[in-house]
Amino acid sequence: MAKKIERFLQIEVQGLHFLERAFIFVPSIILNPMNIHPSSVVQSGQVLLAEPFMQDPYFQRAVILLCEHWEHGSLGFIINKPLEMKLSDLLADLSDADFEVSYGGPVHTDTLHYLHDLGDIIDDSVKVADGIWMGGDFEQVKALIRNELITPDRIRFFIGYSGWSGGQLNEEIEVRSWVTAAMHPNYLFKSPSSDLWKQVMYNKGDVYEIIADIPEGLNWN
C-alpha cells in the first residue's frame, strides 16, 4: 500500500542511494529495501544512468554507454543528448550527410566518434556490446555514407566523450552517482533520446520503476 509521507527518506537499492525530502506517494517496498543489495560490478558494454537528482549540466539524466573500463581508466558516450547539428555541418566532404550528431561528453570536444552495428563491414571496429561496435576505418564509413549503404538508424556520431581516470568511476558508483543497467542496441539506434533515461531506469524493474517517474528538475533544498 502506498504511504503518503513528508519527511527525509533514505533510499538505497542496487547501487542507488539518495537522501530526499519528499511529499509524495511512495510504495511500501521503497521504505524497506533491506533485502536489496547493491552491486559493485562494472564492465564494458553496460549502461550508466545518472542518479535522478544529479545537477551537473553535463550529466543530468545522462544515459552513458560504457565502452571501455580498465584499471587505467574508463570511456563512454552519452547517448541521449543530441545536438542541433548534422554530420554535414562538420565535414565538408559529406555535405549531404543528414546524420544526427550527439554530445558524447565533456572530454576532447574537438573529436568525432561513432558507434554502429556494422562490425562485420567496417574494418578495425571494436565490439562494445551485442550488436554494437565502436570506431573503425573512417574512410570506409565515409564511402558507405556517400553510396547510401549506411542509414542513420545504424550509426551514431558523437562530439567528445565521457572519461574517468583509473578507479574514478568505481568511486563514483560507490557513492551512488551512477546506476548500472544492461545495454540493448535499441537504446542506441531506436529509442527516442528524450525518454531514454526513464525507459532504461524503468526497464530495471522493481523499485527502479518508481525512480523512473521522479520528475526532472526537482530540488529538495
Protein backbone atom coordinates (compact mmCIF):
# COMPACT_ATOMS: atom_id res chain seq x y z
CA MET A 1 0.00 0.00 0.00
CA ALA A 2 1.27 3.45 -0.80
CA LYS A 3 2.12 5.70 2.12
CA LYS A 4 1.87 9.47 2.00
CA ILE A 5 4.90 10.85 3.76
CA GLU A 6 6.57 14.19 4.37
CA ARG A 7 9.98 13.58 5.91
CA PHE A 8 13.51 12.62 4.95
CA LEU A 9 13.68 9.34 3.09
CA GLN A 10 16.82 7.32 2.65
CA ILE A 11 16.59 5.06 -0.40
CA GLU A 12 19.31 2.52 -1.11
CA VAL A 13 18.77 -0.05 -3.89
CA GLN A 14 21.35 -1.84 -6.05
CA GLY A 15 23.85 0.96 -6.29
CA LEU A 16 21.39 3.80 -5.70
CA HIS A 17 21.45 5.98 -2.58
CA PHE A 18 19.55 9.23 -2.25
CA LEU A 19 18.52 11.50 0.59
CA GLU A 20 15.46 13.46 -0.38
CA ARG A 21 12.77 15.49 1.29
CA ALA A 22 9.57 14.26 -0.21
CA PHE A 23 5.85 14.83 -0.14
CA ILE A 24 4.83 12.04 -2.46
CA PHE A 25 3.07 8.70 -2.61
CA VAL A 26 5.72 6.01 -2.18
CA PRO A 27 5.06 2.25 -2.29
CA SER A 28 5.89 0.40 0.90
CA ILE A 29 8.73 -1.54 -0.79
CA ILE A 30 10.79 1.63 -1.15
CA LEU A 31 10.58 2.28 2.59
CA ASN A 32 12.09 -1.08 3.50
CA PRO A 33 14.56 -2.12 0.79
CA MET A 34 16.92 -4.02 3.13
CA ASN A 35 16.59 -7.22 1.10
CA ILE A 36 18.06 -5.50 -1.99
CA HIS A 37 21.83 -5.48 -2.19
CA PRO A 38 23.92 -3.08 -4.29
CA SER A 39 26.19 -4.46 -7.00
CA SER A 40 29.76 -3.22 -7.40
CA VAL A 41 30.36 -4.99 -10.72
CA VAL A 42 31.06 -2.57 -13.56
CA GLN A 43 32.07 -3.69 -17.02
CA SER A 44 32.30 -2.54 -20.61
CA GLY A 45 29.06 -2.77 -22.54
CA GLN A 46 26.88 -1.65 -19.63
CA VAL A 47 24.79 1.47 -19.37
CA LEU A 48 25.40 4.12 -16.72
CA LEU A 49 22.35 6.09 -15.60
CA ALA A 50 22.85 9.36 -13.76
CA GLU A 51 21.13 9.42 -10.39
CA PRO A 52 17.88 11.39 -10.69
CA PHE A 53 18.96 14.43 -8.65
CA MET A 54 22.33 14.96 -10.34
CA GLN A 55 22.74 18.68 -11.09
CA ASP A 56 25.91 18.51 -13.19
CA PRO A 57 24.76 20.05 -16.51
CA TYR A 58 26.98 17.68 -18.47
CA PHE A 59 25.44 14.56 -16.99
CA GLN A 60 21.95 15.46 -15.78
CA ARG A 61 19.68 12.50 -16.67
CA ALA A 62 22.51 11.14 -18.82
CA VAL A 63 22.49 7.63 -20.27
CA ILE A 64 26.07 6.58 -20.97
CA LEU A 65 27.19 3.52 -22.90
CA LEU A 66 30.39 2.40 -21.18
CA CYS A 67 32.71 1.31 -23.99
CA GLU A 68 35.96 0.73 -22.09
CA HIS A 69 36.50 0.01 -18.41
CA TRP A 70 40.01 -0.94 -17.36
CA GLU A 71 42.29 -0.45 -14.39
CA HIS A 72 43.84 2.61 -16.05
CA GLY A 73 40.53 4.34 -16.78
CA SER A 74 37.11 4.25 -18.41
CA LEU A 75 35.50 5.72 -21.52
CA GLY A 76 31.93 6.02 -22.71
CA PHE A 77 29.47 8.13 -24.69
CA ILE A 78 26.30 9.90 -23.57
CA ILE A 79 23.69 8.50 -25.95
CA ASN A 80 20.68 10.69 -25.10
CA LYS A 81 21.89 14.26 -25.71
CA PRO A 82 21.50 15.11 -29.42
CA LEU A 83 22.96 18.37 -30.69
CA GLU A 84 21.38 20.79 -33.13
CA MET A 85 23.78 19.85 -35.89
CA LYS A 86 24.26 17.25 -38.59
CA LEU A 87 27.33 15.39 -39.76
CA SER A 88 27.27 17.55 -42.89
CA ASP A 89 27.86 20.60 -40.70
CA LEU A 90 31.17 19.15 -39.54
CA LEU A 91 32.60 17.53 -42.67
CA ALA A 92 32.78 19.41 -45.96
CA ASP A 93 33.28 16.21 -47.95
CA LEU A 94 29.98 14.83 -46.62
CA SER A 95 27.82 17.85 -47.37
CA ASP A 96 24.70 15.72 -47.92
CA ALA A 97 25.11 13.52 -44.85
CA ASP A 98 21.90 14.01 -42.87
CA PHE A 99 23.15 12.14 -39.80
CA GLU A 100 22.42 13.40 -36.29
CA VAL A 101 25.37 14.33 -34.07
CA SER A 102 25.16 13.93 -30.29
CA TYR A 103 27.11 15.21 -27.32
CA GLY A 104 29.25 12.30 -26.14
CA GLY A 105 30.74 14.03 -23.12
CA PRO A 106 32.94 16.90 -21.95
CA VAL A 107 36.32 15.34 -22.83
CA HIS A 108 38.03 16.37 -26.10
CA THR A 109 35.00 18.03 -27.66
CA ASP A 110 37.09 18.70 -30.76
CA THR A 111 36.96 15.00 -31.68
CA LEU A 112 34.36 12.95 -33.57
CA HIS A 113 33.45 9.39 -32.62
CA TYR A 114 30.91 6.86 -33.81
CA LEU A 115 29.06 3.75 -32.67
CA HIS A 116 27.39 1.39 -35.14
CA ASP A 117 26.07 -2.10 -35.83
CA LEU A 118 28.34 -2.71 -38.85
CA GLY A 119 31.23 -4.53 -37.24
CA ASP A 120 31.27 -7.14 -39.99
CA ILE A 121 31.69 -4.42 -42.65
CA ILE A 122 33.82 -1.66 -41.14
CA ASP A 123 37.45 -2.70 -40.62
CA ASP A 124 39.09 -2.24 -37.21
CA SER A 125 35.77 -1.83 -35.39
CA VAL A 126 35.85 -2.71 -31.69
CA LYS A 127 32.91 -4.67 -30.29
CA VAL A 128 31.40 -2.95 -27.26
CA ALA A 129 28.24 -4.98 -26.66
CA ASP A 130 25.96 -7.35 -28.55
CA GLY A 131 25.12 -5.64 -31.83
CA ILE A 132 27.24 -2.54 -31.10
CA TRP A 133 30.74 -1.63 -32.31
CA MET A 134 32.92 1.43 -31.78
CA GLY A 135 35.07 3.22 -34.35
CA GLY A 136 36.74 1.58 -37.31
CA ASP A 137 38.11 2.76 -40.66
CA PHE A 138 36.60 6.23 -41.17
CA GLU A 139 37.36 6.27 -44.89
CA GLN A 140 35.18 3.17 -45.20
CA VAL A 141 32.47 4.87 -43.18
CA LYS A 142 32.51 7.91 -45.45
CA ALA A 143 32.43 5.76 -48.60
CA LEU A 144 29.44 3.81 -47.26
CA ILE A 145 27.64 7.07 -46.46
CA ARG A 146 28.32 8.53 -49.92
CA ASN A 147 26.95 5.37 -51.53
CA GLU A 148 23.93 5.39 -49.20
CA LEU A 149 24.88 2.00 -47.77
CA ILE A 150 24.64 3.25 -44.17
CA THR A 151 21.41 4.71 -42.84
CA PRO A 152 21.14 6.93 -39.73
CA ASP A 153 19.46 4.13 -37.77
CA ARG A 154 22.65 2.04 -37.93
CA ILE A 155 25.32 4.52 -36.87
CA ARG A 156 25.53 7.31 -34.26
CA PHE A 157 28.07 10.14 -34.24
CA PHE A 158 29.34 11.91 -31.11
CA ILE A 159 31.31 15.04 -30.33
CA GLY A 160 33.59 14.39 -27.38
CA TYR A 161 33.37 11.56 -24.89
CA SER A 162 32.98 10.85 -21.18
CA GLY A 163 36.15 9.71 -19.44
CA TRP A 164 37.32 8.68 -15.97
CA SER A 165 40.81 8.14 -14.62
CA GLY A 166 41.79 4.84 -13.04
CA GLY A 167 39.43 3.99 -10.16
CA GLN A 168 37.40 7.18 -10.54
CA LEU A 169 34.28 5.57 -11.98
CA ASN A 170 34.26 2.86 -9.32
CA GLU A 171 34.42 5.58 -6.67
CA GLU A 172 31.52 7.47 -8.24
CA ILE A 173 29.44 4.30 -8.36
CA GLU A 174 30.36 3.57 -4.74
CA VAL A 175 28.81 6.91 -3.71
CA ARG A 176 25.78 6.15 -5.92
CA SER A 177 26.27 8.82 -8.58
CA TRP A 178 25.52 6.19 -11.23
CA VAL A 179 23.20 3.24 -11.66
CA THR A 180 24.32 0.40 -13.91
CA ALA A 181 21.95 -1.31 -16.34
CA ALA A 182 22.08 -3.81 -19.18
CA MET A 183 22.53 -2.37 -22.66
CA HIS A 184 20.27 -3.14 -25.63
CA PRO A 185 21.01 -1.98 -29.21
CA ASN A 186 17.55 -0.41 -29.40
CA TYR A 187 18.59 2.11 -26.75
CA LEU A 188 21.24 3.38 -29.15
CA PHE A 189 19.54 3.05 -32.53
CA LYS A 190 15.77 3.11 -31.97
CA SER A 191 14.67 4.72 -28.71
CA PRO A 192 13.86 8.47 -28.58
CA SER A 193 16.59 10.33 -26.70
CA SER A 194 14.10 12.43 -24.72
CA ASP A 195 12.63 9.38 -22.95
CA LEU A 196 15.70 7.15 -22.77
CA TRP A 197 16.74 7.75 -19.16
CA LYS A 198 13.24 6.98 -17.95
CA GLN A 199 12.92 3.95 -20.24
CA VAL A 200 16.18 2.31 -19.17
CA MET A 201 15.55 3.02 -15.48
CA TYR A 202 12.02 1.63 -15.72
CA ASN A 203 13.24 -1.50 -17.52
CA LYS A 204 15.36 -2.40 -14.48
CA GLY A 205 12.09 -3.19 -12.73
CA ASP A 206 11.10 -3.26 -9.07
CA VAL A 207 11.78 0.00 -7.21
CA TYR A 208 13.50 1.49 -10.26
CA GLU A 209 10.07 1.82 -11.88
CA ILE A 210 9.24 4.30 -9.12
CA ILE A 211 12.55 6.14 -9.51
CA ALA A 212 11.94 6.43 -13.27
CA ASP A 213 8.87 8.57 -12.53
CA ILE A 214 10.70 11.13 -10.38
CA PRO A 215 10.20 14.44 -12.26
CA GLU A 216 13.26 16.07 -13.74
CA GLY A 217 14.44 19.29 -12.14
CA LEU A 218 13.26 18.58 -8.58
CA ASN A 219 15.43 20.17 -5.91
CA TRP A 220 14.67 19.43 -2.27
CA ASN A 221 16.99 22.13 -0.92
